[in-house]
PDB file of N, CA and C in Angstrom:
ATOM      1  N   MET A   1     -23.512  10.048 -14.718  1.00  0.00           N
ATOM      2  CA  MET A   1     -22.919   9.510 -13.521  1.00  0.00           C
ATOM      3  C   MET A   1     -21.435   9.250 -13.769  1.00  0.00           C
ATOM      4  N   ALA A   2     -20.591   9.601 -12.817  1.00  0.00           N
ATOM      5  CA  ALA A   2     -19.153   9.445 -12.958  1.00  0.00           C
ATOM      6  C   ALA A   2     -18.751   7.974 -12.879  1.00  0.00           C
ATOM      7  N   GLU A   3     -17.752   7.620 -13.675  1.00  0.00           N
ATOM      8  CA  GLU A   3     -17.254   6.248 -13.677  1.00  0.00           C
ATOM      9  C   GLU A   3     -16.427   6.021 -12.417  1.00  0.00           C
ATOM     10  N   LYS A   4     -16.637   4.877 -11.773  1.00  0.00           N
ATOM     11  CA  LYS A   4     -15.903   4.570 -10.551  1.00  0.00           C
ATOM     12  C   LYS A   4     -14.510   4.079 -10.903  1.00  0.00           C
ATOM     13  N   LYS A   5     -13.523   4.585 -10.197  1.00  0.00           N
ATOM     14  CA  LYS A   5     -12.131   4.206 -10.413  1.00  0.00           C
ATOM     15  C   LYS A   5     -11.836   2.933  -9.630  1.00  0.00           C
ATOM     16  N   ALA A   6     -11.154   1.983 -10.256  1.00  0.00           N
ATOM     17  CA  ALA A   6     -10.807   0.728  -9.596  1.00  0.00           C
ATOM     18  C   ALA A   6      -9.801   0.995  -8.475  1.00  0.00           C
ATOM     19  N   TYR A   7      -9.951   0.280  -7.373  1.00  0.00           N
ATOM     20  CA  TYR A   7      -9.053   0.432  -6.239  1.00  0.00           C
ATOM     21  C   TYR A   7      -8.821  -0.931  -5.593  1.00  0.00           C
ATOM     22  N   ALA A   8      -7.828  -0.975  -4.721  1.00  0.00           N
ATOM     23  CA  ALA A   8      -7.536  -2.187  -3.951  1.00  0.00           C
ATOM     24  C   ALA A   8      -7.229  -1.775  -2.527  1.00  0.00           C
ATOM     25  N   VAL A   9      -7.553  -2.636  -1.582  1.00  0.00           N
ATOM     26  CA  VAL A   9      -7.156  -2.435  -0.190  1.00  0.00           C
ATOM     27  C   VAL A   9      -6.046  -3.439   0.060  1.00  0.00           C
ATOM     28  N   ILE A  10      -4.865  -2.919   0.468  1.00  0.00           N
ATOM     29  CA  ILE A  10      -3.693  -3.770   0.678  1.00  0.00           C
ATOM     30  C   ILE A  10      -3.240  -3.679   2.124  1.00  0.00           C
ATOM     31  N   ALA A  11      -2.472  -4.680   2.552  1.00  0.00           N
ATOM     32  CA  ALA A  11      -1.894  -4.692   3.893  1.00  0.00           C
ATOM     33  C   ALA A  11      -0.381  -4.568   3.771  1.00  0.00           C
ATOM     34  N   VAL A  12       0.177  -3.532   4.402  1.00  0.00           N
ATOM     35  CA  VAL A  12       1.623  -3.299   4.410  1.00  0.00           C
ATOM     36  C   VAL A  12       2.030  -2.911   5.818  1.00  0.00           C
ATOM     37  N   GLY A  13       2.944  -3.650   6.404  1.00  0.00           N
ATOM     38  CA  GLY A  13       3.454  -3.308   7.724  1.00  0.00           C
ATOM     39  C   GLY A  13       2.407  -3.334   8.817  1.00  0.00           C
ATOM     40  N   GLY A  14       1.429  -4.222   8.723  1.00  0.00           N
ATOM     41  CA  GLY A  14       0.406  -4.332   9.754  1.00  0.00           C
ATOM     42  C   GLY A  14      -0.705  -3.299   9.647  1.00  0.00           C
ATOM     43  N   LYS A  15      -0.692  -2.486   8.602  1.00  0.00           N
ATOM     44  CA  LYS A  15      -1.729  -1.482   8.394  1.00  0.00           C
ATOM     45  C   LYS A  15      -2.384  -1.715   7.040  1.00  0.00           C
ATOM     46  N   GLN A  16      -3.591  -1.187   6.866  1.00  0.00           N
ATOM     47  CA  GLN A  16      -4.316  -1.346   5.621  1.00  0.00           C
ATOM     48  C   GLN A  16      -4.421   0.002   4.909  1.00  0.00           C
ATOM     49  N   TYR A  17      -4.261  -0.028   3.583  1.00  0.00           N
ATOM     50  CA  TYR A  17      -4.308   1.185   2.783  1.00  0.00           C
ATOM     51  C   TYR A  17      -5.183   0.962   1.557  1.00  0.00           C
ATOM     52  N   ARG A  18      -5.949   1.986   1.177  1.00  0.00           N
ATOM     53  CA  ARG A  18      -6.739   1.951  -0.056  1.00  0.00           C
ATOM     54  C   ARG A  18      -5.915   2.644  -1.127  1.00  0.00           C
ATOM     55  N   VAL A  19      -5.624   1.935  -2.212  1.00  0.00           N
ATOM     56  CA  VAL A  19      -4.747   2.465  -3.248  1.00  0.00           C
ATOM     57  C   VAL A  19      -5.397   2.340  -4.621  1.00  0.00           C
ATOM     58  N   CYS A  20      -5.031   3.266  -5.511  1.00  0.00           N
ATOM     59  CA  CYS A  20      -5.426   3.227  -6.922  1.00  0.00           C
ATOM     60  C   CYS A  20      -4.151   3.213  -7.753  1.00  0.00           C
ATOM     61  N   GLU A  21      -4.287   2.855  -9.018  1.00  0.00           N
ATOM     62  CA  GLU A  21      -3.126   2.776  -9.898  1.00  0.00           C
ATOM     63  C   GLU A  21      -2.454   4.135 -10.028  1.00  0.00           C
ATOM     64  N   GLY A  22      -1.129   4.146  -9.912  1.00  0.00           N
ATOM     65  CA  GLY A  22      -0.345   5.365 -10.079  1.00  0.00           C
ATOM     66  C   GLY A  22      -0.189   6.208  -8.831  1.00  0.00           C
ATOM     67  N   GLU A  23      -0.798   5.820  -7.708  1.00  0.00           N
ATOM     68  CA  GLU A  23      -0.691   6.600  -6.472  1.00  0.00           C
ATOM     69  C   GLU A  23       0.658   6.391  -5.793  1.00  0.00           C
ATOM     70  N   TRP A  24       1.069   7.420  -5.052  1.00  0.00           N
ATOM     71  CA  TRP A  24       2.253   7.347  -4.196  1.00  0.00           C
ATOM     72  C   TRP A  24       1.748   7.186  -2.777  1.00  0.00           C
ATOM     73  N   LEU A  25       2.431   6.357  -1.979  1.00  0.00           N
ATOM     74  CA  LEU A  25       1.980   6.064  -0.625  1.00  0.00           C
ATOM     75  C   LEU A  25       3.171   6.080   0.316  1.00  0.00           C
ATOM     76  N   LEU A  26       3.067   6.806   1.418  1.00  0.00           N
ATOM     77  CA  LEU A  26       4.118   6.844   2.429  1.00  0.00           C
ATOM     78  C   LEU A  26       3.746   5.867   3.540  1.00  0.00           C
ATOM     79  N   VAL A  27       4.578   4.855   3.749  1.00  0.00           N
ATOM     80  CA  VAL A  27       4.326   3.839   4.764  1.00  0.00           C
ATOM     81  C   VAL A  27       5.545   3.727   5.665  1.00  0.00           C
ATOM     82  N   ASP A  28       5.384   2.995   6.769  1.00  0.00           N
ATOM     83  CA  ASP A  28       6.512   2.750   7.660  1.00  0.00           C
ATOM     84  C   ASP A  28       7.597   1.996   6.908  1.00  0.00           C
ATOM     85  N   ARG A  29       8.821   2.073   7.407  1.00  0.00           N
ATOM     86  CA  ARG A  29       9.966   1.471   6.738  1.00  0.00           C
ATOM     87  C   ARG A  29       9.767  -0.019   6.501  1.00  0.00           C
ATOM     88  N   LEU A  30      10.133  -0.456   5.306  1.00  0.00           N
ATOM     89  CA  LEU A  30      10.005  -1.854   4.904  1.00  0.00           C
ATOM     90  C   LEU A  30      11.392  -2.480   4.771  1.00  0.00           C
ATOM     91  N   SER A  31      11.429  -3.800   4.756  1.00  0.00           N
ATOM     92  CA  SER A  31      12.700  -4.502   4.607  1.00  0.00           C
ATOM     93  C   SER A  31      13.014  -4.780   3.135  1.00  0.00           C
ATOM     94  N   VAL A  32      12.520  -3.931   2.249  1.00  0.00           N
ATOM     95  CA  VAL A  32      12.765  -4.051   0.814  1.00  0.00           C
ATOM     96  C   VAL A  32      13.707  -2.920   0.417  1.00  0.00           C
ATOM     97  N   GLU A  33      14.701  -3.230  -0.414  1.00  0.00           N
ATOM     98  CA  GLU A  33      15.687  -2.226  -0.825  1.00  0.00           C
ATOM     99  C   GLU A  33      15.063  -1.176  -1.747  1.00  0.00           C
ATOM    100  N   GLU A  34      15.680  -0.001  -1.784  1.00  0.00           N
ATOM    101  CA  GLU A  34      15.217   1.068  -2.671  1.00  0.00           C
ATOM    102  C   GLU A  34      15.314   0.617  -4.121  1.00  0.00           C
ATOM    103  N   GLY A  35      14.310   0.959  -4.912  1.00  0.00           N
ATOM    104  CA  GLY A  35      14.293   0.606  -6.324  1.00  0.00           C
ATOM    105  C   GLY A  35      13.725  -0.772  -6.621  1.00  0.00           C
ATOM    106  N   LYS A  36      13.515  -1.588  -5.606  1.00  0.00           N
ATOM    107  CA  LYS A  36      12.974  -2.938  -5.790  1.00  0.00           C
ATOM    108  C   LYS A  36      11.454  -2.898  -5.729  1.00  0.00           C
ATOM    109  N   THR A  37      10.807  -3.897  -6.332  1.00  0.00           N
ATOM    110  CA  THR A  37       9.357  -4.013  -6.274  1.00  0.00           C
ATOM    111  C   THR A  37       8.973  -5.179  -5.366  1.00  0.00           C
ATOM    112  N   PHE A  38       7.754  -5.133  -4.858  1.00  0.00           N
ATOM    113  CA  PHE A  38       7.223  -6.210  -4.032  1.00  0.00           C
ATOM    114  C   PHE A  38       5.715  -6.275  -4.228  1.00  0.00           C
ATOM    115  N   HIS A  39       5.114  -7.354  -3.753  1.00  0.00           N
ATOM    116  CA  HIS A  39       3.677  -7.575  -3.894  1.00  0.00           C
ATOM    117  C   HIS A  39       3.039  -7.655  -2.509  1.00  0.00           C
ATOM    118  N   PRO A  40       2.397  -6.568  -2.047  1.00  0.00           N
ATOM    119  CA  PRO A  40       1.720  -6.616  -0.748  1.00  0.00           C
ATOM    120  C   PRO A  40       0.476  -7.503  -0.818  1.00  0.00           C
ATOM    121  N   ASP A  41      -0.025  -7.902   0.349  1.00  0.00           N
ATOM    122  CA  ASP A  41      -1.229  -8.725   0.418  1.00  0.00           C
ATOM    123  C   ASP A  41      -2.442  -7.910  -0.029  1.00  0.00           C
ATOM    124  N   VAL A  42      -3.250  -8.473  -0.932  1.00  0.00           N
ATOM    125  CA  VAL A  42      -4.466  -7.819  -1.406  1.00  0.00           C
ATOM    126  C   VAL A  42      -5.637  -8.334  -0.572  1.00  0.00           C
ATOM    127  N   LEU A  43      -6.354  -7.426   0.078  1.00  0.00           N
ATOM    128  CA  LEU A  43      -7.475  -7.791   0.940  1.00  0.00           C
ATOM    129  C   LEU A  43      -8.822  -7.614   0.254  1.00  0.00           C
ATOM    130  N   LEU A  44      -8.922  -6.618  -0.642  1.00  0.00           N
ATOM    131  CA  LEU A  44     -10.198  -6.309  -1.285  1.00  0.00           C
ATOM    132  C   LEU A  44      -9.934  -5.606  -2.604  1.00  0.00           C
ATOM    133  N   LEU A  45     -10.768  -5.884  -3.597  1.00  0.00           N
ATOM    134  CA  LEU A  45     -10.741  -5.177  -4.874  1.00  0.00           C
ATOM    135  C   LEU A  45     -12.102  -4.553  -5.084  1.00  0.00           C
ATOM    136  N   GLY A  46     -12.148  -3.334  -5.601  1.00  0.00           N
ATOM    137  CA  GLY A  46     -13.437  -2.682  -5.795  1.00  0.00           C
ATOM    138  C   GLY A  46     -13.368  -1.570  -6.815  1.00  0.00           C
ATOM    139  N   GLY A  47     -14.494  -0.895  -6.966  1.00  0.00           N
ATOM    140  CA  GLY A  47     -14.575   0.257  -7.850  1.00  0.00           C
ATOM    141  C   GLY A  47     -15.280  -0.012  -9.151  1.00  0.00           C
ATOM    142  N   ASP A  48     -15.300  -1.240  -9.600  1.00  0.00           N
ATOM    143  CA  ASP A  48     -15.973  -1.562 -10.859  1.00  0.00           C
ATOM    144  C   ASP A  48     -17.041  -2.621 -10.592  1.00  0.00           C
ATOM    145  N   GLY A  49     -18.093  -2.216  -9.923  1.00  0.00           N
ATOM    146  CA  GLY A  49     -19.163  -3.148  -9.568  1.00  0.00           C
ATOM    147  C   GLY A  49     -19.077  -3.530  -8.101  1.00  0.00           C
ATOM    148  N   GLU A  50     -19.380  -4.782  -7.812  1.00  0.00           N
ATOM    149  CA  GLU A  50     -19.363  -5.264  -6.434  1.00  0.00           C
ATOM    150  C   GLU A  50     -17.933  -5.467  -5.942  1.00  0.00           C
ATOM    151  N   PRO A  51     -17.631  -5.106  -4.690  1.00  0.00           N
ATOM    152  CA  PRO A  51     -16.306  -5.379  -4.136  1.00  0.00           C
ATOM    153  C   PRO A  51     -16.051  -6.888  -4.084  1.00  0.00           C
ATOM    154  N   LYS A  52     -14.800  -7.277  -4.297  1.00  0.00           N
ATOM    155  CA  LYS A  52     -14.423  -8.685  -4.273  1.00  0.00           C
ATOM    156  C   LYS A  52     -13.606  -8.950  -3.026  1.00  0.00           C
ATOM    157  N   LEU A  53     -14.033  -9.956  -2.240  1.00  0.00           N
ATOM    158  CA  LEU A  53     -13.369 -10.321  -0.987  1.00  0.00           C
ATOM    159  C   LEU A  53     -12.954 -11.784  -1.015  1.00  0.00           C
ATOM    160  N   GLY A  54     -12.118 -12.170  -0.045  1.00  0.00           N
ATOM    161  CA  GLY A  54     -11.798 -13.576   0.195  1.00  0.00           C
ATOM    162  C   GLY A  54     -11.229 -14.306  -1.003  1.00  0.00           C
ATOM    163  N   ASP A  55     -11.883 -15.419  -1.386  1.00  0.00           N
ATOM    164  CA  ASP A  55     -11.397 -16.264  -2.476  1.00  0.00           C
ATOM    165  C   ASP A  55     -11.413 -15.549  -3.823  1.00  0.00           C
ATOM    166  N   LYS A  56     -12.241 -14.525  -3.973  1.00  0.00           N
ATOM    167  CA  LYS A  56     -12.342 -13.818  -5.247  1.00  0.00           C
ATOM    168  C   LYS A  56     -11.092 -12.998  -5.558  1.00  0.00           C
ATOM    169  N   VAL A  57     -10.281 -12.648  -4.541  1.00  0.00           N
ATOM    170  CA  VAL A  57      -9.065 -11.872  -4.785  1.00  0.00           C
ATOM    171  C   VAL A  57      -7.827 -12.761  -4.874  1.00  0.00           C
ATOM    172  N   LYS A  58      -7.984 -14.063  -4.670  1.00  0.00           N
ATOM    173  CA  LYS A  58      -6.844 -14.966  -4.810  1.00  0.00           C
ATOM    174  C   LYS A  58      -6.315 -14.894  -6.222  1.00  0.00           C
ATOM    175  N   GLY A  59      -5.017 -14.812  -6.361  1.00  0.00           N
ATOM    176  CA  GLY A  59      -4.402 -14.726  -7.669  1.00  0.00           C
ATOM    177  C   GLY A  59      -4.274 -13.304  -8.191  1.00  0.00           C
ATOM    178  N   GLN A  60      -4.931 -12.344  -7.558  1.00  0.00           N
ATOM    179  CA  GLN A  60      -4.820 -10.941  -7.953  1.00  0.00           C
ATOM    180  C   GLN A  60      -3.588 -10.352  -7.274  1.00  0.00           C
ATOM    181  N   GLN A  61      -2.873  -9.467  -7.971  1.00  0.00           N
ATOM    182  CA  GLN A  61      -1.664  -8.871  -7.417  1.00  0.00           C
ATOM    183  C   GLN A  61      -1.677  -7.368  -7.544  1.00  0.00           C
ATOM    184  N   VAL A  62      -1.037  -6.748  -6.576  1.00  0.00           N
ATOM    185  CA  VAL A  62      -0.731  -5.326  -6.635  1.00  0.00           C
ATOM    186  C   VAL A  62       0.786  -5.246  -6.565  1.00  0.00           C
ATOM    187  N   THR A  63       1.398  -4.498  -7.470  1.00  0.00           N
ATOM    188  CA  THR A  63       2.845  -4.351  -7.480  1.00  0.00           C
ATOM    189  C   THR A  63       3.196  -2.972  -6.950  1.00  0.00           C
ATOM    190  N   ALA A  64       4.097  -2.931  -5.973  1.00  0.00           N
ATOM    191  CA  ALA A  64       4.531  -1.669  -5.386  1.00  0.00           C
ATOM    192  C   ALA A  64       6.038  -1.549  -5.528  1.00  0.00           C
ATOM    193  N   LYS A  65       6.520  -0.330  -5.697  1.00  0.00           N
ATOM    194  CA  LYS A  65       7.949  -0.078  -5.837  1.00  0.00           C
ATOM    195  C   LYS A  65       8.403   0.849  -4.715  1.00  0.00           C
ATOM    196  N   VAL A  66       9.506   0.494  -4.059  1.00  0.00           N
ATOM    197  CA  VAL A  66      10.080   1.332  -3.009  1.00  0.00           C
ATOM    198  C   VAL A  66      10.948   2.381  -3.690  1.00  0.00           C
ATOM    199  N   THR A  67      10.537   3.641  -3.594  1.00  0.00           N
ATOM    200  CA  THR A  67      11.299   4.701  -4.256  1.00  0.00           C
ATOM    201  C   THR A  67      12.390   5.274  -3.363  1.00  0.00           C
ATOM    202  N   ALA A  68      12.141   5.326  -2.041  1.00  0.00           N
ATOM    203  CA  ALA A  68      13.153   5.872  -1.134  1.00  0.00           C
ATOM    204  C   ALA A  68      12.813   5.490   0.304  1.00  0.00           C
ATOM    205  N   HIS A  69      13.865   5.399   1.115  1.00  0.00           N
ATOM    206  CA  HIS A  69      13.700   5.252   2.558  1.00  0.00           C
ATOM    207  C   HIS A  69      13.984   6.627   3.155  1.00  0.00           C
ATOM    208  N   VAL A  70      12.996   7.211   3.806  1.00  0.00           N
ATOM    209  CA  VAL A  70      13.107   8.571   4.324  1.00  0.00           C
ATOM    210  C   VAL A  70      13.216   8.529   5.839  1.00  0.00           C
ATOM    211  N   LEU A  71      14.178   9.270   6.370  1.00  0.00           N
ATOM    212  CA  LEU A  71      14.321   9.389   7.819  1.00  0.00           C
ATOM    213  C   LEU A  71      13.660  10.679   8.274  1.00  0.00           C
ATOM    214  N   GLY A  72      13.015  10.629   9.432  1.00  0.00           N
ATOM    215  CA  GLY A  72      12.400  11.825   9.992  1.00  0.00           C
ATOM    216  C   GLY A  72      13.430  12.706  10.672  1.00  0.00           C
ATOM    217  N   GLU A  73      12.971  13.825  11.183  1.00  0.00           N
ATOM    218  CA  GLU A  73      13.848  14.769  11.865  1.00  0.00           C
ATOM    219  C   GLU A  73      14.349  14.158  13.179  1.00  0.00           C
ATOM    220  N   LYS A  74      15.623  14.364  13.492  1.00  0.00           N
ATOM    221  CA  LYS A  74      16.207  13.841  14.708  1.00  0.00           C
ATOM    222  C   LYS A  74      15.668  14.617  15.920  1.00  0.00           C
ATOM    223  N   VAL A  75      15.238  13.882  16.935  1.00  0.00           N
ATOM    224  CA  VAL A  75      14.684  14.494  18.140  1.00  0.00           C
ATOM    225  C   VAL A  75      15.679  14.285  19.281  1.00  0.00           C
ATOM    226  N   ILE A  76      16.040  15.387  19.934  1.00  0.00           N
ATOM    227  CA  ILE A  76      16.980  15.330  21.057  1.00  0.00           C
ATOM    228  C   ILE A  76      16.180  15.456  22.341  1.00  0.00           C
ATOM    229  N   VAL A  77      16.359  14.483  23.242  1.00  0.00           N
ATOM    230  CA  VAL A  77      15.654  14.481  24.511  1.00  0.00           C
ATOM    231  C   VAL A  77      16.662  14.700  25.621  1.00  0.00           C
ATOM    232  N   GLY A  78      16.409  15.683  26.482  1.00  0.00           N
ATOM    233  CA  GLY A  78      17.317  15.965  27.592  1.00  0.00           C
ATOM    234  C   GLY A  78      16.653  15.627  28.910  1.00  0.00           C
ATOM    235  N   LYS A  79      17.397  15.009  29.815  1.00  0.00           N
ATOM    236  CA  LYS A  79      16.867  14.677  31.138  1.00  0.00           C
ATOM    237  C   LYS A  79      17.613  15.498  32.179  1.00  0.00           C
ATOM    238  N   HIS A  80      16.899  15.911  33.202  1.00  0.00           N
ATOM    239  CA  HIS A  80      17.507  16.702  34.281  1.00  0.00           C
ATOM    240  C   HIS A  80      17.704  15.856  35.494  1.00  0.00           C
TER     241      HIS A  80
END
């Protein structure tokens, strides 16, 4: 049987994401500068046995680093 990889469910920008260690994640723009780290809210921990919710995740942290702020393609709208 394959070993389960540990994961966390975090809240960033009003949305929830399931993340594992070393993953890259594209989220909506944050008010954190490029190159800085921050600690998003941890909602659930799992992957190694029973998932941990509520008081069991208090004190647990996930550290995220903002690598870049990316702008999308400019859209030109014309009205007649």
